[in-house]
Amino acid sequence: MSLVIRLSRTGKKGERKFRVIVKEKRSKRDGDSLEILGWYQKTKDHKKKEINKERFDYWISKGAQPSMTVAEIMKSA
């Protein structure tokens, strides 16, 4: 089972709100996830986020690969 840490879209139409989740790589973008690690919101003026770093590091140690977008978000932390 290949795991990935990625964004899942949430919120109203046109909003840029995402959940940071752990899921199997082959499943759908907005399908079931193993765990929700936090959220990320992008607005015109700024970006907001709240991600559980301890759980993120735990899943990385278990072999989960972050997507390129999630890796960039975590770099700016």
PDB file of N, CA and C in Angstrom:
ATOM      1  N   MET A   1       0.851  -1.183   0.000  1.00  0.00           N
ATOM      2  CA  MET A   1       0.000   0.000   0.000  1.00  0.00           C
ATOM      3  C   MET A   1       0.892   1.240   0.000  1.00  0.00           C
ATOM      4  N   SER A   2       0.770   2.053  -1.016  1.00  0.00           N
ATOM      5  CA  SER A   2       1.549   3.270  -1.158  1.00  0.00           C
ATOM      6  C   SER A   2       0.751   4.446  -0.592  1.00  0.00           C
ATOM      7  N   LEU A   3       1.333   5.148   0.369  1.00  0.00           N
ATOM      8  CA  LEU A   3       0.637   6.257   1.021  1.00  0.00           C
ATOM      9  C   LEU A   3       1.172   7.592   0.526  1.00  0.00           C
ATOM     10  N   VAL A   4       0.283   8.577   0.496  1.00  0.00           N
ATOM     11  CA  VAL A   4       0.661   9.915   0.072  1.00  0.00           C
ATOM     12  C   VAL A   4      -0.016  10.934   0.999  1.00  0.00           C
ATOM     13  N   ILE A   5       0.680  12.035   1.258  1.00  0.00           N
ATOM     14  CA  ILE A   5       0.112  13.155   2.012  1.00  0.00           C
ATOM     15  C   ILE A   5      -0.209  14.214   0.973  1.00  0.00           C
ATOM     16  N   ARG A   6      -1.483  14.564   0.851  1.00  0.00           N
ATOM     17  CA  ARG A   6      -1.914  15.472  -0.208  1.00  0.00           C
ATOM     18  C   ARG A   6      -3.044  16.376   0.252  1.00  0.00           C
ATOM     19  N   LEU A   7      -3.496  17.244  -0.629  1.00  0.00           N
ATOM     20  CA  LEU A   7      -4.598  18.153  -0.339  1.00  0.00           C
ATOM     21  C   LEU A   7      -5.906  17.566  -0.853  1.00  0.00           C
ATOM     22  N   SER A   8      -6.964  17.798  -0.101  1.00  0.00           N
ATOM     23  CA  SER A   8      -8.311  17.405  -0.506  1.00  0.00           C
ATOM     24  C   SER A   8      -9.169  18.661  -0.470  1.00  0.00           C
ATOM     25  N   ARG A   9      -9.848  18.944  -1.546  1.00  0.00           N
ATOM     26  CA  ARG A   9     -10.629  20.182  -1.648  1.00  0.00           C
ATOM     27  C   ARG A   9     -11.867  20.135  -0.762  1.00  0.00           C
ATOM     28  N   THR A  10     -12.187  21.265  -0.130  1.00  0.00           N
ATOM     29  CA  THR A  10     -13.368  21.378   0.709  1.00  0.00           C
ATOM     30  C   THR A  10     -13.876  22.816   0.628  1.00  0.00           C
ATOM     31  N   GLY A  11     -15.045  23.077   1.146  1.00  0.00           N
ATOM     32  CA  GLY A  11     -15.586  24.434   1.125  1.00  0.00           C
ATOM     33  C   GLY A  11     -16.531  24.666  -0.031  1.00  0.00           C
ATOM     34  N   LYS A  12     -16.991  25.910  -0.137  1.00  0.00           N
ATOM     35  CA  LYS A  12     -17.934  26.277  -1.188  1.00  0.00           C
ATOM     36  C   LYS A  12     -17.245  26.401  -2.541  1.00  0.00           C
ATOM     37  N   LYS A  13     -18.052  26.439  -3.576  1.00  0.00           N
ATOM     38  CA  LYS A  13     -17.554  26.584  -4.933  1.00  0.00           C
ATOM     39  C   LYS A  13     -16.790  27.904  -5.068  1.00  0.00           C
ATOM     40  N   GLY A  14     -15.606  27.835  -5.630  1.00  0.00           N
ATOM     41  CA  GLY A  14     -14.807  29.038  -5.826  1.00  0.00           C
ATOM     42  C   GLY A  14     -13.854  29.352  -4.690  1.00  0.00           C
ATOM     43  N   GLU A  15     -14.061  28.771  -3.519  1.00  0.00           N
ATOM     44  CA  GLU A  15     -13.149  28.993  -2.399  1.00  0.00           C
ATOM     45  C   GLU A  15     -11.944  28.075  -2.543  1.00  0.00           C
ATOM     46  N   ARG A  16     -10.819  28.530  -2.029  1.00  0.00           N
ATOM     47  CA  ARG A  16      -9.621  27.703  -2.072  1.00  0.00           C
ATOM     48  C   ARG A  16      -9.305  27.228  -0.656  1.00  0.00           C
ATOM     49  N   LYS A  17     -10.064  26.246  -0.203  1.00  0.00           N
ATOM     50  CA  LYS A  17      -9.865  25.639   1.108  1.00  0.00           C
ATOM     51  C   LYS A  17      -9.544  24.169   0.899  1.00  0.00           C
ATOM     52  N   PHE A  18      -8.559  23.692   1.647  1.00  0.00           N
ATOM     53  CA  PHE A  18      -8.117  22.311   1.485  1.00  0.00           C
ATOM     54  C   PHE A  18      -7.857  21.678   2.843  1.00  0.00           C
ATOM     55  N   ARG A  19      -8.029  20.373   2.917  1.00  0.00           N
ATOM     56  CA  ARG A  19      -7.587  19.590   4.060  1.00  0.00           C
ATOM     57  C   ARG A  19      -6.289  18.902   3.675  1.00  0.00           C
ATOM     58  N   VAL A  20      -5.363  18.798   4.612  1.00  0.00           N
ATOM     59  CA  VAL A  20      -4.132  18.036   4.400  1.00  0.00           C
ATOM     60  C   VAL A  20      -4.406  16.652   4.956  1.00  0.00           C
ATOM     61  N   ILE A  21      -4.362  15.629   4.092  1.00  0.00           N
ATOM     62  CA  ILE A  21      -4.780  14.290   4.487  1.00  0.00           C
ATOM     63  C   ILE A  21      -3.738  13.245   4.094  1.00  0.00           C
ATOM     64  N   VAL A  22      -3.847  12.083   4.731  1.00  0.00           N
ATOM     65  CA  VAL A  22      -3.042  10.911   4.376  1.00  0.00           C
ATOM     66  C   VAL A  22      -3.989   9.899   3.760  1.00  0.00           C
ATOM     67  N   LYS A  23      -3.611   9.375   2.594  1.00  0.00           N
ATOM     68  CA  LYS A  23      -4.477   8.410   1.921  1.00  0.00           C
ATOM     69  C   LYS A  23      -3.657   7.513   1.019  1.00  0.00           C
ATOM     70  N   GLU A  24      -4.312   6.480   0.499  1.00  0.00           N
ATOM     71  CA  GLU A  24      -3.660   5.606  -0.457  1.00  0.00           C
ATOM     72  C   GLU A  24      -3.520   6.347  -1.784  1.00  0.00           C
ATOM     73  N   LYS A  25      -2.396   6.172  -2.438  1.00  0.00           N
ATOM     74  CA  LYS A  25      -2.090   6.938  -3.643  1.00  0.00           C
ATOM     75  C   LYS A  25      -3.097   6.734  -4.770  1.00  0.00           C
ATOM     76  N   ARG A  26      -3.635   5.535  -4.927  1.00  0.00           N
ATOM     77  CA  ARG A  26      -4.510   5.231  -6.056  1.00  0.00           C
ATOM     78  C   ARG A  26      -5.962   5.625  -5.843  1.00  0.00           C
ATOM     79  N   SER A  27      -6.336   6.112  -4.665  1.00  0.00           N
ATOM     80  CA  SER A  27      -7.737   6.462  -4.400  1.00  0.00           C
ATOM     81  C   SER A  27      -8.065   7.861  -4.938  1.00  0.00           C
ATOM     82  N   LYS A  28      -9.350   8.183  -4.981  1.00  0.00           N
ATOM     83  CA  LYS A  28      -9.805   9.470  -5.504  1.00  0.00           C
ATOM     84  C   LYS A  28      -9.336  10.629  -4.632  1.00  0.00           C
ATOM     85  N   ARG A  29      -9.262  11.809  -5.224  1.00  0.00           N
ATOM     86  CA  ARG A  29      -8.782  12.998  -4.514  1.00  0.00           C
ATOM     87  C   ARG A  29      -9.600  13.304  -3.270  1.00  0.00           C
ATOM     88  N   ASP A  30     -10.929  13.287  -3.398  1.00  0.00           N
ATOM     89  CA  ASP A  30     -11.796  13.645  -2.283  1.00  0.00           C
ATOM     90  C   ASP A  30     -12.425  12.413  -1.630  1.00  0.00           C
ATOM     91  N   GLY A  31     -11.866  11.238  -1.859  1.00  0.00           N
ATOM     92  CA  GLY A  31     -12.399  10.013  -1.277  1.00  0.00           C
ATOM     93  C   GLY A  31     -11.978   9.849   0.181  1.00  0.00           C
ATOM     94  N   ASP A  32     -12.171   8.650   0.709  1.00  0.00           N
ATOM     95  CA  ASP A  32     -11.837   8.372   2.103  1.00  0.00           C
ATOM     96  C   ASP A  32     -10.343   8.549   2.364  1.00  0.00           C
ATOM     97  N   SER A  33     -10.032   9.049   3.554  1.00  0.00           N
ATOM     98  CA  SER A  33      -8.638   9.235   3.936  1.00  0.00           C
ATOM     99  C   SER A  33      -8.359   8.452   5.216  1.00  0.00           C
ATOM    100  N   LEU A  34      -7.076   8.191   5.473  1.00  0.00           N
ATOM    101  CA  LEU A  34      -6.689   7.504   6.698  1.00  0.00           C
ATOM    102  C   LEU A  34      -6.689   8.464   7.886  1.00  0.00           C
ATOM    103  N   GLU A  35      -6.215   9.694   7.656  1.00  0.00           N
ATOM    104  CA  GLU A  35      -6.156  10.677   8.739  1.00  0.00           C
ATOM    105  C   GLU A  35      -6.126  12.085   8.162  1.00  0.00           C
ATOM    106  N   ILE A  36      -6.766  13.008   8.850  1.00  0.00           N
ATOM    107  CA  ILE A  36      -6.715  14.427   8.489  1.00  0.00           C
ATOM    108  C   ILE A  36      -5.647  15.078   9.361  1.00  0.00           C
ATOM    109  N   LEU A  37      -4.648  15.677   8.732  1.00  0.00           N
ATOM    110  CA  LEU A  37      -3.528  16.268   9.460  1.00  0.00           C
ATOM    111  C   LEU A  37      -3.726  17.749   9.748  1.00  0.00           C
ATOM    112  N   GLY A  38      -4.603  18.407   9.011  1.00  0.00           N
ATOM    113  CA  GLY A  38      -4.825  19.834   9.226  1.00  0.00           C
ATOM    114  C   GLY A  38      -5.535  20.441   8.029  1.00  0.00           C
ATOM    115  N   TRP A  39      -5.393  21.766   7.870  1.00  0.00           N
ATOM    116  CA  TRP A  39      -6.054  22.463   6.787  1.00  0.00           C
ATOM    117  C   TRP A  39      -5.144  23.549   6.235  1.00  0.00           C
ATOM    118  N   TYR A  40      -5.492  24.008   5.023  1.00  0.00           N
ATOM    119  CA  TYR A  40      -4.748  25.044   4.323  1.00  0.00           C
ATOM    120  C   TYR A  40      -5.751  25.898   3.554  1.00  0.00           C
ATOM    121  N   GLN A  41      -5.624  27.214   3.648  1.00  0.00           N
ATOM    122  CA  GLN A  41      -6.535  28.123   2.952  1.00  0.00           C
ATOM    123  C   GLN A  41      -5.712  29.191   2.249  1.00  0.00           C
ATOM    124  N   LYS A  42      -6.003  29.389   0.976  1.00  0.00           N
ATOM    125  CA  LYS A  42      -5.306  30.383   0.178  1.00  0.00           C
ATOM    126  C   LYS A  42      -6.293  31.474  -0.214  1.00  0.00           C
ATOM    127  N   THR A  43      -5.996  32.715   0.145  1.00  0.00           N
ATOM    128  CA  THR A  43      -6.836  33.845  -0.221  1.00  0.00           C
ATOM    129  C   THR A  43      -6.027  34.792  -1.105  1.00  0.00           C
ATOM    130  N   LYS A  44      -6.648  35.846  -1.577  1.00  0.00           N
ATOM    131  CA  LYS A  44      -5.941  36.797  -2.432  1.00  0.00           C
ATOM    132  C   LYS A  44      -4.793  37.473  -1.697  1.00  0.00           C
ATOM    133  N   ASP A  45      -4.995  37.772  -0.421  1.00  0.00           N
ATOM    134  CA  ASP A  45      -4.012  38.537   0.343  1.00  0.00           C
ATOM    135  C   ASP A  45      -2.949  37.670   1.017  1.00  0.00           C
ATOM    136  N   HIS A  46      -3.335  36.523   1.543  1.00  0.00           N
ATOM    137  CA  HIS A  46      -2.387  35.714   2.313  1.00  0.00           C
ATOM    138  C   HIS A  46      -2.815  34.250   2.330  1.00  0.00           C
ATOM    139  N   LYS A  47      -1.992  33.448   2.983  1.00  0.00           N
ATOM    140  CA  LYS A  47      -2.259  32.016   3.108  1.00  0.00           C
ATOM    141  C   LYS A  47      -2.329  31.666   4.587  1.00  0.00           C
ATOM    142  N   LYS A  48      -3.307  30.843   4.957  1.00  0.00           N
ATOM    143  CA  LYS A  48      -3.464  30.395   6.337  1.00  0.00           C
ATOM    144  C   LYS A  48      -3.313  28.890   6.358  1.00  0.00           C
ATOM    145  N   LYS A  49      -2.766  28.368   7.442  1.00  0.00           N
ATOM    146  CA  LYS A  49      -2.649  26.922   7.549  1.00  0.00           C
ATOM    147  C   LYS A  49      -2.529  26.508   9.002  1.00  0.00           C
ATOM    148  N   GLU A  50      -2.929  25.290   9.248  1.00  0.00           N
ATOM    149  CA  GLU A  50      -2.776  24.677  10.560  1.00  0.00           C
ATOM    150  C   GLU A  50      -2.576  23.190  10.312  1.00  0.00           C
ATOM    151  N   ILE A  51      -1.332  22.722  10.492  1.00  0.00           N
ATOM    152  CA  ILE A  51      -0.990  21.332  10.206  1.00  0.00           C
ATOM    153  C   ILE A  51      -0.290  20.749  11.423  1.00  0.00           C
ATOM    154  N   ASN A  52      -0.712  19.567  11.842  1.00  0.00           N
ATOM    155  CA  ASN A  52      -0.117  18.878  12.982  1.00  0.00           C
ATOM    156  C   ASN A  52       1.233  18.308  12.553  1.00  0.00           C
ATOM    157  N   LYS A  53       2.318  18.994  12.936  1.00  0.00           N
ATOM    158  CA  LYS A  53       3.679  18.626  12.525  1.00  0.00           C
ATOM    159  C   LYS A  53       4.095  17.255  13.067  1.00  0.00           C
ATOM    160  N   GLU A  54       3.685  16.931  14.286  1.00  0.00           N
ATOM    161  CA  GLU A  54       4.056  15.635  14.875  1.00  0.00           C
ATOM    162  C   GLU A  54       3.470  14.481  14.065  1.00  0.00           C
ATOM    163  N   ARG A  55       2.191  14.585  13.695  1.00  0.00           N
ATOM    164  CA  ARG A  55       1.551  13.530  12.899  1.00  0.00           C
ATOM    165  C   ARG A  55       2.119  13.494  11.478  1.00  0.00           C
ATOM    166  N   PHE A  56       2.456  14.672  10.934  1.00  0.00           N
ATOM    167  CA  PHE A  56       3.088  14.736   9.615  1.00  0.00           C
ATOM    168  C   PHE A  56       4.403  13.962   9.636  1.00  0.00           C
ATOM    169  N   ASP A  57       5.236  14.217  10.633  1.00  0.00           N
ATOM    170  CA  ASP A  57       6.514  13.514  10.753  1.00  0.00           C
ATOM    171  C   ASP A  57       6.316  12.020  10.980  1.00  0.00           C
ATOM    172  N   TYR A  58       5.281  11.643  11.741  1.00  0.00           N
ATOM    173  CA  TYR A  58       4.978  10.226  11.976  1.00  0.00           C
ATOM    174  C   TYR A  58       4.690   9.515  10.656  1.00  0.00           C
ATOM    175  N   TRP A  59       3.837  10.102   9.825  1.00  0.00           N
ATOM    176  CA  TRP A  59       3.480   9.460   8.558  1.00  0.00           C
ATOM    177  C   TRP A  59       4.659   9.429   7.591  1.00  0.00           C
ATOM    178  N   ILE A  60       5.514  10.435   7.633  1.00  0.00           N
ATOM    179  CA  ILE A  60       6.726  10.419   6.813  1.00  0.00           C
ATOM    180  C   ILE A  60       7.617   9.247   7.238  1.00  0.00           C
ATOM    181  N   SER A  61       7.721   9.017   8.574  1.00  0.00           N
ATOM    182  CA  SER A  61       8.537   7.906   9.064  1.00  0.00           C
ATOM    183  C   SER A  61       7.958   6.552   8.685  1.00  0.00           C
ATOM    184  N   LYS A  62       6.655   6.485   8.460  1.00  0.00           N
ATOM    185  CA  LYS A  62       5.998   5.240   8.050  1.00  0.00           C
ATOM    186  C   LYS A  62       6.048   5.029   6.534  1.00  0.00           C
ATOM    187  N   GLY A  63       6.639   5.977   5.786  1.00  0.00           N
ATOM    188  CA  GLY A  63       6.821   5.803   4.357  1.00  0.00           C
ATOM    189  C   GLY A  63       5.891   6.601   3.471  1.00  0.00           C
ATOM    190  N   ALA A  64       5.051   7.450   4.041  1.00  0.00           N
ATOM    191  CA  ALA A  64       4.152   8.276   3.223  1.00  0.00           C
ATOM    192  C   ALA A  64       4.965   9.350   2.507  1.00  0.00           C
ATOM    193  N   GLN A  65       4.627   9.611   1.253  1.00  0.00           N
ATOM    194  CA  GLN A  65       5.314  10.615   0.454  1.00  0.00           C
ATOM    195  C   GLN A  65       4.438  11.858   0.340  1.00  0.00           C
ATOM    196  N   PRO A  66       4.939  13.053   0.700  1.00  0.00           N
ATOM    197  CA  PRO A  66       4.131  14.262   0.518  1.00  0.00           C
ATOM    198  C   PRO A  66       4.077  14.642  -0.955  1.00  0.00           C
ATOM    199  N   SER A  67       2.950  15.188  -1.396  1.00  0.00           N
ATOM    200  CA  SER A  67       2.850  15.698  -2.769  1.00  0.00           C
ATOM    201  C   SER A  67       3.749  16.930  -2.880  1.00  0.00           C
ATOM    202  N   MET A  68       4.021  17.360  -4.094  1.00  0.00           N
ATOM    203  CA  MET A  68       4.888  18.531  -4.283  1.00  0.00           C
ATOM    204  C   MET A  68       4.293  19.762  -3.614  1.00  0.00           C
ATOM    205  N   THR A  69       2.982  19.928  -3.697  1.00  0.00           N
ATOM    206  CA  THR A  69       2.315  21.085  -3.101  1.00  0.00           C
ATOM    207  C   THR A  69       2.428  21.067  -1.581  1.00  0.00           C
ATOM    208  N   VAL A  70       2.186  19.910  -0.973  1.00  0.00           N
ATOM    209  CA  VAL A  70       2.281  19.796   0.481  1.00  0.00           C
ATOM    210  C   VAL A  70       3.721  20.008   0.935  1.00  0.00           C
ATOM    211  N   ALA A  71       4.683  19.518   0.184  1.00  0.00           N
ATOM    212  CA  ALA A  71       6.088  19.730   0.524  1.00  0.00           C
ATOM    213  C   ALA A  71       6.427  21.220   0.525  1.00  0.00           C
ATOM    214  N   GLU A  72       5.917  21.971  -0.459  1.00  0.00           N
ATOM    215  CA  GLU A  72       6.145  23.420  -0.508  1.00  0.00           C
ATOM    216  C   GLU A  72       5.480  24.134   0.668  1.00  0.00           C
ATOM    217  N   ILE A  73       4.278  23.705   1.024  1.00  0.00           N
ATOM    218  CA  ILE A  73       3.567  24.311   2.157  1.00  0.00           C
ATOM    219  C   ILE A  73       4.349  24.079   3.449  1.00  0.00           C
ATOM    220  N   MET A  74       4.895  22.882   3.627  1.00  0.00           N
ATOM    221  CA  MET A  74       5.630  22.569   4.849  1.00  0.00           C
ATOM    222  C   MET A  74       6.981  23.272   4.882  1.00  0.00           C
ATOM    223  N   LYS A  75       7.584  23.547   3.744  1.00  0.00           N
ATOM    224  CA  LYS A  75       8.845  24.289   3.703  1.00  0.00           C
ATOM    225  C   LYS A  75       8.670  25.709   4.228  1.00  0.00           C
ATOM    226  N   SER A  76       7.540  26.321   3.889  1.00  0.00           N
ATOM    227  CA  SER A  76       7.296  27.704   4.289  1.00  0.00           C
ATOM    228  C   SER A  76       6.879  27.829   5.752  1.00  0.00           C
ATOM    229  N   ALA A  77       6.812  26.710   6.472  1.00  0.00           N
ATOM    230  CA  ALA A  77       6.396  26.723   7.880  1.00  0.00           C
ATOM    231  C   ALA A  77       7.474  27.274   8.773  1.00  0.00           C
TER     232      ALA A  77
END
